[in-house]
PDB file of all heavy atoms in Angstrom:
ATOM      1  N   GLY A   1     -37.490  47.115 -34.063  1.00  0.00           N
ATOM      2  CA  GLY A   1     -37.196  45.759 -34.463  1.00  0.00           C
ATOM      3  C   GLY A   1     -37.122  44.855 -33.248  1.00  0.00           C
ATOM      4  O   GLY A   1     -36.423  45.216 -32.267  1.00  0.00           O
ATOM      5  N   ILE A   2     -37.786  43.716 -33.292  1.00  0.00           N
ATOM      6  CA  ILE A   2     -37.787  42.803 -32.149  1.00  0.00           C
ATOM      7  C   ILE A   2     -37.403  41.401 -32.640  1.00  0.00           C
ATOM      8  O   ILE A   2     -38.139  40.812 -33.481  1.00  0.00           O
ATOM      9  CB  ILE A   2     -39.172  42.713 -31.474  1.00  0.00           C
ATOM     10  CG1 ILE A   2     -39.656  44.125 -31.065  1.00  0.00           C
ATOM     11  CG2 ILE A   2     -39.137  41.794 -30.267  1.00  0.00           C
ATOM     12  CD1 ILE A   2     -41.049  44.117 -30.476  1.00  0.00           C
ATOM     13  N   PRO A   3     -36.298  40.838 -32.210  1.00  0.00           N
ATOM     14  CA  PRO A   3     -35.960  39.470 -32.597  1.00  0.00           C
ATOM     15  C   PRO A   3     -37.096  38.531 -32.182  1.00  0.00           C
ATOM     16  O   PRO A   3     -37.654  38.623 -31.093  1.00  0.00           O
ATOM     17  CB  PRO A   3     -34.692  39.165 -31.811  1.00  0.00           C
ATOM     18  CG  PRO A   3     -34.057  40.547 -31.603  1.00  0.00           C
ATOM     19  CD  PRO A   3     -35.196  41.461 -31.410  1.00  0.00           C
ATOM     20  N   THR A   4     -37.424  37.645 -33.075  1.00  0.00           N
ATOM     21  CA  THR A   4     -38.654  36.819 -32.874  1.00  0.00           C
ATOM     22  C   THR A   4     -38.593  35.948 -31.619  1.00  0.00           C
ATOM     23  O   THR A   4     -39.633  35.698 -30.990  1.00  0.00           O
ATOM     24  CB  THR A   4     -38.882  35.979 -34.107  1.00  0.00           C
ATOM     25  OG1 THR A   4     -40.093  35.236 -33.942  1.00  0.00           O
ATOM     26  CG2 THR A   4     -37.751  34.983 -34.366  1.00  0.00           C
ATOM     27  N   ASP A   5     -37.410  35.508 -31.204  1.00  0.00           N
ATOM     28  CA  ASP A   5     -37.338  34.636 -30.015  1.00  0.00           C
ATOM     29  C   ASP A   5     -37.704  35.402 -28.753  1.00  0.00           C
ATOM     30  O   ASP A   5     -38.118  34.776 -27.774  1.00  0.00           O
ATOM     31  CB  ASP A   5     -35.973  33.990 -29.888  1.00  0.00           C
ATOM     32  CG  ASP A   5     -34.818  34.985 -29.946  1.00  0.00           C
ATOM     33  OD1 ASP A   5     -34.859  35.890 -30.790  1.00  0.00           O
ATOM     34  OD2 ASP A   5     -33.875  34.839 -29.134  1.00  0.00           O
ATOM     35  N   PHE A   6     -37.590  36.725 -28.769  1.00  0.00           N
ATOM     36  CA  PHE A   6     -37.950  37.519 -27.582  1.00  0.00           C
ATOM     37  C   PHE A   6     -39.456  37.503 -27.350  1.00  0.00           C
ATOM     38  O   PHE A   6     -39.900  37.761 -26.244  1.00  0.00           O
ATOM     39  CB  PHE A   6     -37.502  38.958 -27.720  1.00  0.00           C
ATOM     40  CG  PHE A   6     -36.016  39.186 -27.725  1.00  0.00           C
ATOM     41  CD1 PHE A   6     -35.469  40.425 -27.934  1.00  0.00           C
ATOM     42  CD2 PHE A   6     -35.137  38.122 -27.492  1.00  0.00           C
ATOM     43  CE1 PHE A   6     -34.104  40.647 -27.933  1.00  0.00           C
ATOM     44  CE2 PHE A   6     -33.753  38.308 -27.507  1.00  0.00           C
ATOM     45  CZ  PHE A   6     -33.243  39.580 -27.709  1.00  0.00           C
ATOM     46  N   LEU A   7     -40.226  37.229 -28.407  1.00  0.00           N
ATOM     47  CA  LEU A   7     -41.697  37.289 -28.272  1.00  0.00           C
ATOM     48  C   LEU A   7     -42.209  36.119 -27.414  1.00  0.00           C
ATOM     49  O   LEU A   7     -43.250  36.228 -26.759  1.00  0.00           O
ATOM     50  CB  LEU A   7     -42.362  37.264 -29.642  1.00  0.00           C
ATOM     51  CG  LEU A   7     -42.057  38.466 -30.517  1.00  0.00           C
ATOM     52  CD1 LEU A   7     -42.705  38.241 -31.906  1.00  0.00           C
ATOM     53  CD2 LEU A   7     -42.571  39.756 -29.903  1.00  0.00           C
ATOM     54  N   ARG A   8     -41.498  34.984 -27.423  1.00  0.00           N
ATOM     55  CA  ARG A   8     -41.915  33.850 -26.622  1.00  0.00           C
ATOM     56  C   ARG A   8     -41.155  33.735 -25.302  1.00  0.00           C
ATOM     57  O   ARG A   8     -41.529  32.951 -24.424  1.00  0.00           O
ATOM     58  CB  ARG A   8     -41.720  32.550 -27.426  1.00  0.00           C
ATOM     59  CG  ARG A   8     -42.686  32.396 -28.591  1.00  0.00           C
ATOM     60  CD  ARG A   8     -42.602  31.012 -29.212  1.00  0.00           C
ATOM     61  NE  ARG A   8     -43.692  30.779 -30.155  1.00  0.00           N
ATOM     62  CZ  ARG A   8     -43.638  31.042 -31.459  1.00  0.00           C
ATOM     63  NH1 ARG A   8     -42.505  31.569 -31.956  1.00  0.00           N
ATOM     64  NH2 ARG A   8     -44.658  30.800 -32.246  1.00  0.00           N
ATOM     65  N   ALA A   9     -40.128  34.564 -25.173  1.00  0.00           N
ATOM     66  CA  ALA A   9     -39.334  34.529 -23.940  1.00  0.00           C
ATOM     67  C   ALA A   9     -40.095  35.241 -22.820  1.00  0.00           C
ATOM     68  O   ALA A   9     -40.979  36.055 -23.040  1.00  0.00           O
ATOM     69  CB  ALA A   9     -37.976  35.181 -24.179  1.00  0.00           C
ATOM     70  N   GLU A  10     -39.712  34.942 -21.558  1.00  0.00           N
ATOM     71  CA  GLU A  10     -40.274  35.640 -20.429  1.00  0.00           C
ATOM     72  C   GLU A  10     -39.766  37.063 -20.424  1.00  0.00           C
ATOM     73  O   GLU A  10     -38.578  37.321 -20.627  1.00  0.00           O
ATOM     74  CB  GLU A  10     -39.902  34.923 -19.130  1.00  0.00           C
ATOM     75  CG  GLU A  10     -40.526  35.567 -17.880  1.00  0.00           C
ATOM     76  CD  GLU A  10     -40.174  34.810 -16.613  1.00  0.00           C
ATOM     77  OE1 GLU A  10     -39.585  33.721 -16.730  1.00  0.00           O
ATOM     78  OE2 GLU A  10     -40.504  35.315 -15.547  1.00  0.00           O
ATOM     79  N   ALA A  11     -40.675  38.024 -20.162  1.00  0.00           N
ATOM     80  CA  ALA A  11     -40.279  39.430 -20.164  1.00  0.00           C
ATOM     81  C   ALA A  11     -40.895  40.125 -18.968  1.00  0.00           C
ATOM     82  O   ALA A  11     -42.103  40.055 -18.749  1.00  0.00           O
ATOM     83  CB  ALA A  11     -40.773  40.103 -21.459  1.00  0.00           C
ATOM     84  N   THR A  12     -40.059  40.842 -18.209  1.00  0.00           N
ATOM     85  CA  THR A  12     -40.571  41.669 -17.123  1.00  0.00           C
ATOM     86  C   THR A  12     -40.906  43.050 -17.701  1.00  0.00           C
ATOM     87  O   THR A  12     -40.600  43.362 -18.848  1.00  0.00           O
ATOM     88  CB  THR A  12     -39.530  41.809 -16.021  1.00  0.00           C
ATOM     89  OG1 THR A  12     -38.381  42.456 -16.544  1.00  0.00           O
ATOM     90  CG2 THR A  12     -39.145  40.419 -15.471  1.00  0.00           C
ATOM     91  N   ASP A  13     -41.499  43.897 -16.862  1.00  0.00           N
ATOM     92  CA  ASP A  13     -41.895  45.215 -17.337  1.00  0.00           C
ATOM     93  C   ASP A  13     -40.692  46.063 -17.687  1.00  0.00           C
ATOM     94  O   ASP A  13     -40.672  46.730 -18.725  1.00  0.00           O
ATOM     95  CB  ASP A  13     -42.750  45.926 -16.277  1.00  0.00           C
ATOM     96  CG  ASP A  13     -43.430  47.171 -16.827  1.00  0.00           C
ATOM     97  OD1 ASP A  13     -43.270  47.456 -18.024  1.00  0.00           O
ATOM     98  OD2 ASP A  13     -44.123  47.855 -16.083  1.00  0.00           O
ATOM     99  N   GLY A  14     -39.666  46.036 -16.863  1.00  0.00           N
ATOM    100  CA  GLY A  14     -38.470  46.784 -17.206  1.00  0.00           C
ATOM    101  C   GLY A  14     -38.720  48.247 -17.458  1.00  0.00           C
ATOM    102  O   GLY A  14     -38.027  48.851 -18.261  1.00  0.00           O
ATOM    103  N   SER A  15     -39.711  48.813 -16.800  1.00  0.00           N
ATOM    104  CA  SER A  15     -40.109  50.188 -17.089  1.00  0.00           C
ATOM    105  C   SER A  15     -38.982  51.172 -16.765  1.00  0.00           C
ATOM    106  O   SER A  15     -38.324  51.054 -15.744  1.00  0.00           O
ATOM    107  CB  SER A  15     -41.376  50.548 -16.305  1.00  0.00           C
ATOM    108  OG  SER A  15     -41.783  51.838 -16.612  1.00  0.00           O
ATOM    109  N   ALA A  16     -38.794  52.141 -17.638  1.00  0.00           N
ATOM    110  CA  ALA A  16     -37.764  53.162 -17.421  1.00  0.00           C
ATOM    111  C   ALA A  16     -38.344  54.524 -17.804  1.00  0.00           C
ATOM    112  O   ALA A  16     -38.938  54.669 -18.840  1.00  0.00           O
ATOM    113  CB  ALA A  16     -36.524  52.848 -18.261  1.00  0.00           C
ATOM    114  N   SER A  17     -38.178  55.459 -16.917  1.00  0.00           N
ATOM    115  CA  SER A  17     -38.657  56.803 -17.228  1.00  0.00           C
ATOM    116  C   SER A  17     -37.678  57.545 -18.089  1.00  0.00           C
ATOM    117  O   SER A  17     -36.473  57.245 -18.116  1.00  0.00           O
ATOM    118  CB  SER A  17     -38.907  57.575 -15.918  1.00  0.00           C
ATOM    119  OG  SER A  17     -37.689  57.701 -15.210  1.00  0.00           O
ATOM    120  N   GLU A  18     -38.198  58.525 -18.821  1.00  0.00           N
ATOM    121  CA  GLU A  18     -37.363  59.297 -19.721  1.00  0.00           C
ATOM    122  C   GLU A  18     -37.756  60.760 -19.566  1.00  0.00           C
ATOM    123  O   GLU A  18     -38.948  61.081 -19.467  1.00  0.00           O
ATOM    124  CB  GLU A  18     -37.609  58.852 -21.158  1.00  0.00           C
ATOM    125  CG  GLU A  18     -36.427  59.077 -22.075  1.00  0.00           C
ATOM    126  CD  GLU A  18     -36.729  58.554 -23.476  1.00  0.00           C
ATOM    127  OE1 GLU A  18     -36.710  57.339 -23.665  1.00  0.00           O
ATOM    128  OE2 GLU A  18     -37.017  59.388 -24.341  1.00  0.00           O
ATOM    129  N   PRO A  19     -36.808  61.683 -19.493  1.00  0.00           N
ATOM    130  CA  PRO A  19     -37.171  63.085 -19.334  1.00  0.00           C
ATOM    131  C   PRO A  19     -38.007  63.571 -20.520  1.00  0.00           C
ATOM    132  O   PRO A  19     -37.763  63.197 -21.656  1.00  0.00           O
ATOM    133  CB  PRO A  19     -35.821  63.812 -19.264  1.00  0.00           C
ATOM    134  CG  PRO A  19     -34.839  62.843 -19.903  1.00  0.00           C
ATOM    135  CD  PRO A  19     -35.344  61.467 -19.611  1.00  0.00           C
ATOM    136  N   THR A  20     -38.957  64.406 -20.206  1.00  0.00           N
ATOM    137  CA  THR A  20     -39.799  64.976 -21.243  1.00  0.00           C
ATOM    138  C   THR A  20     -39.084  66.150 -21.889  1.00  0.00           C
ATOM    139  O   THR A  20     -38.600  67.058 -21.196  1.00  0.00           O
ATOM    140  CB  THR A  20     -41.155  65.475 -20.661  1.00  0.00           C
ATOM    141  OG1 THR A  20     -41.788  64.344 -20.043  1.00  0.00           O
ATOM    142  CG2 THR A  20     -42.045  66.027 -21.741  1.00  0.00           C
ATOM    143  N   GLU A  21     -39.021  66.141 -23.229  1.00  0.00           N
ATOM    144  CA  GLU A  21     -38.380  67.235 -23.916  1.00  0.00           C
ATOM    145  C   GLU A  21     -39.263  68.497 -23.871  1.00  0.00           C
ATOM    146  O   GLU A  21     -40.466  68.430 -24.131  1.00  0.00           O
ATOM    147  CB  GLU A  21     -38.106  66.837 -25.363  1.00  0.00           C
ATOM    148  CG  GLU A  21     -37.363  67.902 -26.167  1.00  0.00           C
ATOM    149  CD  GLU A  21     -37.132  67.501 -27.593  1.00  0.00           C
ATOM    150  OE1 GLU A  21     -38.109  67.317 -28.319  1.00  0.00           O
ATOM    151  OE2 GLU A  21     -35.953  67.390 -27.982  1.00  0.00           O
ATOM    152  N   GLN A  22     -38.678  69.583 -23.491  1.00  0.00           N
ATOM    153  CA  GLN A  22     -39.413  70.829 -23.449  1.00  0.00           C
ATOM    154  C   GLN A  22     -38.651  71.912 -24.194  1.00  0.00           C
ATOM    155  O   GLN A  22     -37.418  71.883 -24.281  1.00  0.00           O
ATOM    156  CB  GLN A  22     -39.620  71.282 -21.993  1.00  0.00           C
ATOM    157  CG  GLN A  22     -40.498  70.351 -21.175  1.00  0.00           C
ATOM    158  CD  GLN A  22     -40.750  70.862 -19.781  1.00  0.00           C
ATOM    159  OE1 GLN A  22     -40.059  71.776 -19.312  1.00  0.00           O
ATOM    160  NE2 GLN A  22     -41.740  70.314 -19.123  1.00  0.00           N
ATOM    161  N   PHE A  23     -39.412  72.855 -24.735  1.00  0.00           N
ATOM    162  CA  PHE A  23     -38.773  73.974 -25.415  1.00  0.00           C
ATOM    163  C   PHE A  23     -38.425  75.057 -24.410  1.00  0.00           C
ATOM    164  O   PHE A  23     -39.116  75.228 -23.400  1.00  0.00           O
ATOM    165  CB  PHE A  23     -39.736  74.572 -26.458  1.00  0.00           C
ATOM    166  CG  PHE A  23     -40.135  73.621 -27.547  1.00  0.00           C
ATOM    167  CD1 PHE A  23     -41.415  73.054 -27.578  1.00  0.00           C
ATOM    168  CD2 PHE A  23     -39.243  73.256 -28.529  1.00  0.00           C
ATOM    169  CE1 PHE A  23     -41.785  72.179 -28.574  1.00  0.00           C
ATOM    170  CE2 PHE A  23     -39.600  72.374 -29.530  1.00  0.00           C
ATOM    171  CZ  PHE A  23     -40.877  71.836 -29.544  1.00  0.00           C
ATOM    172  N   HIS A  24     -37.331  75.754 -24.701  1.00  0.00           N
ATOM    173  CA  HIS A  24     -37.035  76.930 -23.899  1.00  0.00           C
ATOM    174  C   HIS A  24     -38.141  77.967 -24.167  1.00  0.00           C
ATOM    175  O   HIS A  24     -38.493  78.226 -25.330  1.00  0.00           O
ATOM    176  CB  HIS A  24     -35.686  77.515 -24.271  1.00  0.00           C
ATOM    177  CG  HIS A  24     -34.538  76.603 -23.906  1.00  0.00           C
ATOM    178  ND1 HIS A  24     -34.233  76.309 -22.606  1.00  0.00           N
ATOM    179  CD2 HIS A  24     -33.647  75.920 -24.662  1.00  0.00           C
ATOM    180  CE1 HIS A  24     -33.170  75.479 -22.589  1.00  0.00           C
ATOM    181  NE2 HIS A  24     -32.836  75.250 -23.836  1.00  0.00           N
TER     182      HIS A  24
END
């Protein structure tokens, strides 16, 4: 869900890494 006002607002990449889930 994205509030509609965010679509016209300035947005940086804000990239964030996430650990990859692995099976034992």
